[in-house]
Amino acid sequence: MDKKSKAARQVLLILVALVAGAIGYRLIGAKSPQPAGRKVLPPPPLVEVKKVKTSLTVLRISAQGTVEPLKVARLIPQVSGKVVFISGSMVEGGKFEKGDILVKIEPKDYELALDSATAALKNAESNFLQADESSRQARFEWELAHGKDGSKPPPLAVKLPQLEAARAARDAARAELEKAGLNLERTQIRAPFAGIVHEKNVDLGQYVTPGQSMATLYGTKEVEVKVPMELNKALELVIPGFNASQDAKGSKAVIKALEFDGQWTGYIVRSAGQVDRQTRMLDLFVRVKDPYLSKPPLAVGLFVDVEFQGPTLPEGCFIPASALHGTFDDAMVWTVDSGNRLHIKRVEVADRGKEQILIRSGLKTGDLVIVSPVAEASDGMEVRIAQ
């Protein structure tokens, strides 16, 4: 065998020995026992926290509502006739003051009726005076004939029936004159209050009759905002006649328009008195004075935001919405103590918003509430606070 073949054989033997050694080492390592007590545990979960600060906090309850008229009246004539005048305010949206003449009906027939009633009264008064004088004369003659013996003369002898008939005719004539005067006055139809025209149903020259609606009017001195609200929130407020006396001053409310920059102040004056069977909501009514003085006004039909001023909470605090767990009536938060241990605390929620929660009780100043998610949170588990 030459030198080259002998060298190649030695290299091959060395490679085989190395491979065999590696395989043996792995087999020995796999069969050797692992040292006890060396199990590797995952680190505690990392959490974000927010420090709580309690203080005197006013509970503010937000809702939405619709502006409704407080006064609504239909303009209805009490006499019939042809319309001879319509005020320039008698258009939809037209404004008027209390006592303004809005419509006039042809007065001629009623003027003639007044003249006739005046003449009839004069005639009736004259007849009454004659009957009274005739009765006095008859009484005088009866007393002359019978003396003053204290007896009463017969009614027919002193013409009392004629006198009473004349008196009744005079009183009836007075009533007819008063009626004629009222009918003439009613030909001028005046606004019962200051307001605007919501709907107009009459035109110049039209013949109208009693009971016919000529227009619908809305008052503008005051309006009401109808606000549906969950019963549990509504009970936080002062509602006259519902959870307070009828003469109690209701909770204050700030009304803001959605379509433009406008703000008004009002107060709860009443409720619908019953909870809706389907929605379980209670309708509150907020009264606002002088809604049409602003430009644009708080007009009837507007959809508005309403913020109510509720009670003052002695130890209220706000926390992020992400910190609250459970339901409104069974709410809880996760807190971290000084030993980095998680604790589950039950709290009482006063109001729940999209981003913040107002806590009525259950937390104190300095508490650290967890605002980040924790998988499988349990009371007493260890956590790490993110710096």
Protein backbone atom coordinates (compact mmCIF):
# COMPACT_ATOMS: atom_id res chain seq x y z
CA MET A 1 0.00 0.00 0.00
CA ASP A 2 1.41 3.36 -0.95
CA LYS A 3 1.66 6.38 1.35
CA LYS A 4 -1.35 8.26 -0.13
CA SER A 5 -3.81 5.39 0.45
CA LYS A 6 -2.61 4.99 4.03
CA ALA A 7 -3.15 8.73 4.80
CA ALA A 8 -6.69 8.73 3.33
CA ARG A 9 -7.62 5.74 5.45
CA GLN A 10 -6.41 7.47 8.64
CA VAL A 11 -8.51 10.61 7.87
CA LEU A 12 -11.62 8.50 7.32
CA LEU A 13 -11.14 6.70 10.64
CA ILE A 14 -10.81 10.03 12.45
CA LEU A 15 -14.09 11.37 10.92
CA VAL A 16 -15.98 8.21 11.87
CA ALA A 17 -14.70 8.50 15.45
CA LEU A 18 -15.82 12.13 15.71
CA VAL A 19 -19.33 11.39 14.42
CA ALA A 20 -19.70 8.43 16.76
CA GLY A 21 -18.57 10.56 19.71
CA ALA A 22 -21.12 13.27 18.96
CA ILE A 23 -23.98 10.78 18.70
CA GLY A 24 -22.95 9.14 21.96
CA TYR A 25 -22.77 12.46 23.76
CA ARG A 26 -26.32 13.36 22.68
CA LEU A 27 -27.67 9.99 23.75
CA ILE A 28 -26.00 10.24 27.15
CA GLY A 29 -27.29 13.83 27.62
CA ALA A 30 -30.87 12.87 26.72
CA LYS A 31 -30.88 10.02 29.24
CA SER A 32 -29.31 11.98 32.11
CA PRO A 33 -31.89 13.37 34.66
CA GLN A 34 -32.66 17.18 34.80
CA PRO A 35 -31.78 18.95 38.04
CA ALA A 36 -34.88 19.42 40.32
CA GLY A 37 -36.39 22.93 41.16
CA ARG A 38 -35.19 24.69 38.04
CA LYS A 39 -38.68 25.34 36.39
CA VAL A 40 -38.70 28.74 34.60
CA LEU A 41 -41.79 30.93 35.46
CA PRO A 42 -43.12 33.69 33.18
CA PRO A 43 -42.71 37.27 34.50
CA PRO A 44 -45.75 38.98 36.14
CA PRO A 45 -48.00 40.87 33.67
CA LEU A 46 -47.10 44.47 32.93
CA VAL A 47 -49.92 46.94 33.70
CA GLU A 48 -50.58 50.64 33.31
CA VAL A 49 -52.10 52.47 36.28
CA LYS A 50 -53.67 55.82 37.13
CA LYS A 51 -53.57 57.41 40.58
CA VAL A 52 -56.99 58.30 42.02
CA LYS A 53 -57.81 61.71 43.46
CA THR A 54 -61.17 62.17 45.18
CA SER A 55 -62.85 65.52 45.78
CA LEU A 56 -66.21 67.28 46.04
CA THR A 57 -67.64 66.53 42.60
CA VAL A 58 -70.88 67.74 41.03
CA LEU A 59 -72.70 64.95 39.24
CA ARG A 60 -73.57 66.11 35.73
CA ILE A 61 -75.97 64.00 33.71
CA SER A 62 -76.03 64.38 29.93
CA ALA A 63 -79.02 63.62 27.73
CA GLN A 64 -80.74 64.82 24.57
CA GLY A 65 -84.18 66.22 23.99
CA THR A 66 -86.57 68.07 21.69
CA VAL A 67 -87.88 71.62 22.06
CA GLU A 68 -91.68 71.79 22.37
CA PRO A 69 -94.06 74.76 22.72
CA LEU A 70 -95.42 75.48 26.19
CA LYS A 71 -98.47 77.32 24.87
CA VAL A 72 -100.38 76.11 21.82
CA ALA A 73 -103.64 77.70 20.67
CA ARG A 74 -105.89 77.38 17.68
CA LEU A 75 -107.27 80.68 16.38
CA ILE A 76 -111.04 80.06 16.14
CA PRO A 77 -113.76 82.66 15.40
CA GLN A 78 -116.76 82.97 17.72
CA VAL A 79 -118.90 84.67 15.06
CA SER A 80 -119.40 83.97 11.38
CA GLY A 81 -118.74 86.26 8.45
CA LYS A 82 -116.41 87.22 5.63
CA VAL A 83 -112.74 87.88 6.46
CA VAL A 84 -111.94 91.50 5.54
CA PHE A 85 -108.51 91.88 7.16
CA ILE A 86 -105.53 89.61 7.85
CA SER A 87 -102.49 90.88 9.73
CA GLY A 88 -99.10 90.81 8.05
CA SER A 89 -97.99 88.59 10.94
CA MET A 90 -100.45 85.91 9.83
CA VAL A 91 -97.90 83.87 7.91
CA GLU A 92 -96.09 80.74 9.05
CA GLY A 93 -93.29 81.93 11.31
CA GLY A 94 -94.80 85.39 11.69
CA LYS A 95 -94.38 86.99 15.12
CA PHE A 96 -97.03 88.87 17.09
CA GLU A 97 -97.61 90.32 20.56
CA LYS A 98 -100.43 89.65 22.98
CA GLY A 99 -103.54 91.59 21.96
CA ASP A 100 -102.52 92.18 18.34
CA ILE A 101 -105.44 92.03 15.86
CA LEU A 102 -104.73 89.09 13.58
CA VAL A 103 -108.04 88.74 11.69
CA LYS A 104 -111.11 90.96 11.16
CA ILE A 105 -114.55 89.73 10.13
CA GLU A 106 -117.04 91.97 8.28
CA PRO A 107 -118.64 93.95 11.19
CA LYS A 108 -121.65 95.60 9.45
CA ASP A 109 -124.25 93.01 10.42
CA TYR A 110 -123.04 93.09 14.01
CA GLU A 111 -123.06 96.90 14.12
CA LEU A 112 -126.70 96.86 12.99
CA ALA A 113 -127.51 94.22 15.58
CA LEU A 114 -125.94 96.44 18.24
CA ASP A 115 -128.02 99.44 17.12
CA SER A 116 -131.16 97.30 17.19
CA ALA A 117 -130.36 95.98 20.65
CA THR A 118 -129.73 99.53 21.88
CA ALA A 119 -133.13 100.67 20.62
CA ALA A 120 -134.84 97.62 22.08
CA LEU A 121 -133.34 98.35 25.47
CA LYS A 122 -134.55 101.95 25.39
CA ASN A 123 -138.05 100.76 24.58
CA ALA A 124 -137.94 98.14 27.34
CA GLU A 125 -136.72 100.69 29.88
CA SER A 126 -139.53 103.04 28.88
CA ASN A 127 -142.11 100.27 29.27
CA PHE A 128 -140.70 99.38 32.65
CA LEU A 129 -140.93 102.99 33.85
CA GLN A 130 -144.57 103.17 32.71
CA ALA A 131 -145.41 99.86 34.39
CA ASP A 132 -143.71 100.98 37.59
CA GLU A 133 -145.61 104.26 37.63
CA SER A 134 -148.90 102.50 36.87
CA SER A 135 -148.26 100.05 39.73
CA ARG A 136 -147.54 102.89 42.15
CA GLN A 137 -150.74 104.68 41.15
CA ALA A 138 -152.81 101.50 41.58
CA ARG A 139 -151.35 100.94 45.06
CA PHE A 140 -152.17 104.55 46.03
CA GLU A 141 -155.77 104.18 44.88
CA TRP A 142 -156.18 100.85 46.69
CA GLU A 143 -154.92 102.37 49.94
CA LEU A 144 -157.35 105.29 49.58
CA ALA A 145 -160.23 102.88 49.13
CA HIS A 146 -159.30 100.41 51.89
CA GLY A 147 -157.38 102.56 54.30
CA LYS A 148 -154.08 101.73 55.89
CA ASP A 149 -155.17 98.76 57.96
CA GLY A 150 -151.95 96.83 57.42
CA SER A 151 -153.38 94.36 54.92
CA LYS A 152 -151.57 93.69 51.64
CA PRO A 153 -153.29 94.59 48.40
CA PRO A 154 -153.86 91.78 45.86
CA PRO A 155 -151.07 91.62 43.17
CA LEU A 156 -153.55 92.17 40.36
CA ALA A 157 -155.00 95.20 42.10
CA VAL A 158 -151.62 96.94 42.15
CA LYS A 159 -150.56 95.57 38.71
CA LEU A 160 -147.54 93.60 39.98
CA PRO A 161 -147.64 91.00 37.15
CA GLN A 162 -147.41 93.78 34.56
CA LEU A 163 -144.54 95.38 36.48
CA GLU A 164 -142.58 92.08 36.72
CA ALA A 165 -143.11 91.41 33.02
CA ALA A 166 -141.80 94.86 32.14
CA ARG A 167 -138.79 94.34 34.45
CA ALA A 168 -138.01 90.97 32.81
CA ALA A 169 -138.30 92.49 29.33
CA ARG A 170 -135.90 95.25 30.36
CA ASP A 171 -133.34 92.75 31.74
CA ALA A 172 -133.60 90.64 28.58
CA ALA A 173 -133.00 93.72 26.43
CA ARG A 174 -129.92 94.56 28.48
CA ALA A 175 -128.58 91.02 27.94
CA GLU A 176 -129.24 91.25 24.19
CA LEU A 177 -127.38 94.54 24.05
CA GLU A 178 -124.42 93.03 25.87
CA LYS A 179 -124.47 90.03 23.53
CA ALA A 180 -124.59 92.29 20.47
CA GLY A 181 -121.65 94.25 21.81
CA LEU A 182 -119.66 91.06 22.39
CA ASN A 183 -120.41 89.78 18.90
CA LEU A 184 -119.24 93.07 17.38
CA GLU A 185 -116.07 92.92 19.49
CA ARG A 186 -115.51 89.32 18.38
CA THR A 187 -115.27 90.40 14.74
CA GLN A 188 -111.74 91.51 15.69
CA ILE A 189 -109.78 88.37 16.56
CA ARG A 190 -106.78 89.12 18.74
CA ALA A 191 -103.68 87.14 19.74
CA PRO A 192 -104.18 85.46 23.14
CA PHE A 193 -100.43 85.65 23.90
CA ALA A 194 -97.13 86.70 22.34
CA GLY A 195 -95.92 84.09 19.88
CA ILE A 196 -95.47 82.94 16.31
CA VAL A 197 -97.78 81.46 13.70
CA HIS A 198 -97.17 77.75 13.28
CA GLU A 199 -99.88 77.09 10.70
CA LYS A 200 -102.25 79.38 8.77
CA ASN A 201 -105.61 78.17 7.39
CA VAL A 202 -107.47 81.34 6.39
CA ASP A 203 -107.35 83.82 3.50
CA LEU A 204 -108.79 87.25 2.78
CA GLY A 205 -112.40 87.08 1.60
CA GLN A 206 -112.99 83.62 3.05
CA TYR A 207 -116.26 83.01 4.93
CA VAL A 208 -115.58 81.60 8.39
CA THR A 209 -117.89 80.07 10.97
CA PRO A 210 -117.61 79.45 14.74
CA GLY A 211 -115.40 76.45 15.53
CA GLN A 212 -113.38 76.71 12.30
CA SER A 213 -109.60 76.74 12.87
CA MET A 214 -107.95 79.69 11.14
CA ALA A 215 -104.41 79.23 12.50
CA THR A 216 -102.27 77.42 15.06
CA LEU A 217 -100.20 79.65 17.35
CA TYR A 218 -97.16 78.87 19.51
CA GLY A 219 -96.15 80.98 22.52
CA THR A 220 -92.60 82.39 22.49
CA LYS A 221 -92.17 83.62 26.08
CA GLU A 222 -91.35 80.11 27.29
CA VAL A 223 -90.70 76.71 25.77
CA GLU A 224 -90.15 73.24 27.21
CA VAL A 225 -87.49 70.70 26.33
CA LYS A 226 -88.75 67.13 26.52
CA VAL A 227 -85.90 64.87 27.67
CA PRO A 228 -86.29 61.06 27.88
CA MET A 229 -83.99 59.60 30.56
CA GLU A 230 -83.26 56.28 32.22
CA LEU A 231 -85.09 56.09 35.54
CA ASN A 232 -81.95 55.43 37.62
CA LYS A 233 -80.34 58.62 36.25
CA ALA A 234 -83.52 60.67 36.57
CA LEU A 235 -83.79 59.83 40.27
CA GLU A 236 -80.47 61.65 40.83
CA LEU A 237 -82.25 64.91 39.93
CA VAL A 238 -84.91 67.04 41.62
CA ILE A 239 -88.17 66.49 39.74
CA PRO A 240 -91.11 68.53 41.13
CA GLY A 241 -94.17 66.37 41.66
CA PHE A 242 -92.25 63.11 41.12
CA ASN A 243 -89.48 62.75 43.71
CA ALA A 244 -89.92 66.20 45.28
CA SER A 245 -92.82 68.45 46.30
CA GLN A 246 -94.78 70.17 43.56
CA ASP A 247 -93.44 73.61 44.53
CA ALA A 248 -89.78 72.46 44.78
CA LYS A 249 -87.26 74.05 42.43
CA GLY A 250 -86.15 71.48 39.88
CA SER A 251 -82.59 70.69 38.91
CA LYS A 252 -80.76 73.18 36.71
CA ALA A 253 -80.06 72.28 33.09
CA VAL A 254 -77.85 73.76 30.36
CA ILE A 255 -79.24 73.35 26.85
CA LYS A 256 -77.00 73.46 23.77
CA ALA A 257 -78.11 73.39 20.15
CA LEU A 258 -76.60 70.73 17.92
CA GLU A 259 -76.85 72.61 14.61
CA PHE A 260 -75.34 75.94 15.75
CA ASP A 261 -73.57 77.68 18.64
CA GLY A 262 -76.32 78.44 21.14
CA GLN A 263 -76.75 77.91 24.88
CA TRP A 264 -79.67 78.41 27.28
CA THR A 265 -80.43 77.71 30.93
CA GLY A 266 -83.58 76.09 32.26
CA TYR A 267 -84.99 74.08 35.16
CA ILE A 268 -86.92 70.85 35.46
CA VAL A 269 -90.57 71.71 36.12
CA ARG A 270 -92.26 68.31 35.86
CA SER A 271 -92.15 64.79 34.47
CA ALA A 272 -94.56 62.75 32.42
CA GLY A 273 -95.50 61.02 35.67
CA GLN A 274 -95.07 57.53 34.29
CA VAL A 275 -92.29 55.34 32.90
CA ASP A 276 -92.61 54.22 29.28
CA ARG A 277 -93.46 50.52 29.25
CA GLN A 278 -91.33 49.76 26.22
CA THR A 279 -88.25 51.96 26.63
CA ARG A 280 -88.32 52.14 30.47
CA MET A 281 -87.55 55.85 30.15
CA LEU A 282 -89.03 58.78 32.08
CA ASP A 283 -89.78 61.98 30.17
CA LEU A 284 -88.54 65.13 31.93
CA PHE A 285 -89.63 68.65 30.97
CA VAL A 286 -87.18 71.54 31.23
CA ARG A 287 -88.65 75.05 30.98
CA VAL A 288 -86.64 77.82 29.31
CA LYS A 289 -87.62 81.52 29.40
CA ASP A 290 -87.31 83.93 26.47
CA PRO A 291 -86.02 81.34 23.99
CA TYR A 292 -86.62 83.58 20.99
CA LEU A 293 -84.55 86.54 22.21
CA SER A 294 -81.33 84.91 21.01
CA LYS A 295 -80.38 84.71 17.36
CA PRO A 296 -80.81 81.99 16.24
CA PRO A 297 -83.52 81.18 18.79
CA LEU A 298 -84.21 78.01 20.72
CA ALA A 299 -86.92 77.21 18.19
CA VAL A 300 -89.63 74.61 18.57
CA GLY A 301 -88.56 71.32 17.00
CA LEU A 302 -84.81 71.66 17.64
CA PHE A 303 -82.94 68.57 18.82
CA VAL A 304 -80.61 69.64 21.65
CA ASP A 305 -78.01 68.41 24.13
CA VAL A 306 -79.00 68.82 27.78
CA GLU A 307 -76.63 68.70 30.74
CA PHE A 308 -78.27 68.47 34.17
CA GLN A 309 -76.65 69.55 37.42
CA GLY A 310 -77.12 66.73 39.89
CA PRO A 311 -76.08 66.28 43.53
CA THR A 312 -72.58 66.97 44.91
CA LEU A 313 -70.58 63.82 45.70
CA PRO A 314 -68.31 64.25 48.77
CA GLU A 315 -65.69 61.71 47.55
CA GLY A 316 -66.29 61.52 43.84
CA CYS A 317 -63.54 60.79 41.34
CA PHE A 318 -63.14 60.25 37.61
CA ILE A 319 -61.38 57.20 36.17
CA PRO A 320 -60.82 56.16 32.54
CA ALA A 321 -63.58 54.00 31.06
CA SER A 322 -60.99 51.25 30.46
CA ALA A 323 -60.56 50.86 34.23
CA LEU A 324 -64.15 49.78 34.88
CA HIS A 325 -65.32 46.18 34.70
CA GLY A 326 -68.74 44.61 35.13
CA THR A 327 -72.10 46.37 34.79
CA PHE A 328 -73.40 49.73 35.99
CA ASP A 329 -75.09 48.10 38.99
CA ASP A 330 -72.30 45.56 39.66
CA ALA A 331 -69.13 47.52 38.85
CA MET A 332 -65.55 46.78 39.90
CA VAL A 333 -62.03 48.03 39.30
CA TRP A 334 -58.56 46.47 39.65
CA THR A 335 -56.14 48.22 41.97
CA VAL A 336 -52.45 47.65 42.77
CA ASP A 337 -51.12 47.82 46.32
CA SER A 338 -47.62 48.78 47.51
CA GLY A 339 -46.50 45.16 47.13
CA ASN A 340 -47.48 45.08 43.45
CA ARG A 341 -50.43 42.82 44.16
CA LEU A 342 -53.69 43.13 42.21
CA HIS A 343 -56.92 43.57 44.17
CA ILE A 344 -60.50 43.57 42.89
CA LYS A 345 -62.61 46.39 44.38
CA ARG A 346 -66.33 46.95 43.99
CA VAL A 347 -67.31 50.55 43.34
CA GLU A 348 -70.53 52.54 43.00
CA VAL A 349 -70.86 54.28 39.66
CA ALA A 350 -72.55 57.69 39.52
CA ASP A 351 -72.29 58.27 35.78
CA ARG A 352 -70.82 56.39 32.86
CA GLY A 353 -69.49 58.24 29.82
CA LYS A 354 -67.67 57.10 26.71
CA GLU A 355 -64.22 58.06 27.97
CA GLN A 356 -64.60 58.69 31.71
CA ILE A 357 -66.48 57.13 34.59
CA LEU A 358 -67.60 59.09 37.64
CA ILE A 359 -67.25 56.96 40.78
CA ARG A 360 -69.51 57.81 43.71
CA SER A 361 -67.77 55.62 46.31
CA GLY A 362 -65.37 52.70 46.67
CA LEU A 363 -62.05 54.44 45.94
CA LYS A 364 -59.89 56.81 47.91
CA THR A 365 -57.17 59.31 47.08
CA GLY A 366 -53.89 57.58 46.21
CA ASP A 367 -55.39 54.31 44.96
CA LEU A 368 -53.73 52.99 41.81
CA VAL A 369 -56.32 51.67 39.36
CA ILE A 370 -55.27 49.49 36.43
CA VAL A 371 -56.29 51.00 33.09
CA SER A 372 -54.77 48.35 30.79
CA PRO A 373 -56.09 44.83 30.03
CA VAL A 374 -55.03 41.93 32.28
CA ALA A 375 -55.54 38.34 31.12
CA GLU A 376 -57.21 36.13 33.75
CA ALA A 377 -57.01 38.72 36.53
CA SER A 378 -57.37 37.30 40.04
CA ASP A 379 -57.29 38.88 43.46
CA GLY A 380 -53.78 38.83 44.94
CA MET A 381 -51.89 38.08 41.72
CA GLU A 382 -48.54 39.80 41.23
CA VAL A 383 -48.19 42.47 38.54
CA ARG A 384 -45.52 44.85 37.28
CA ILE A 385 -46.28 48.57 36.95
CA ALA A 386 -45.20 50.12 33.68
CA GLN A 387 -42.98 53.12 34.24
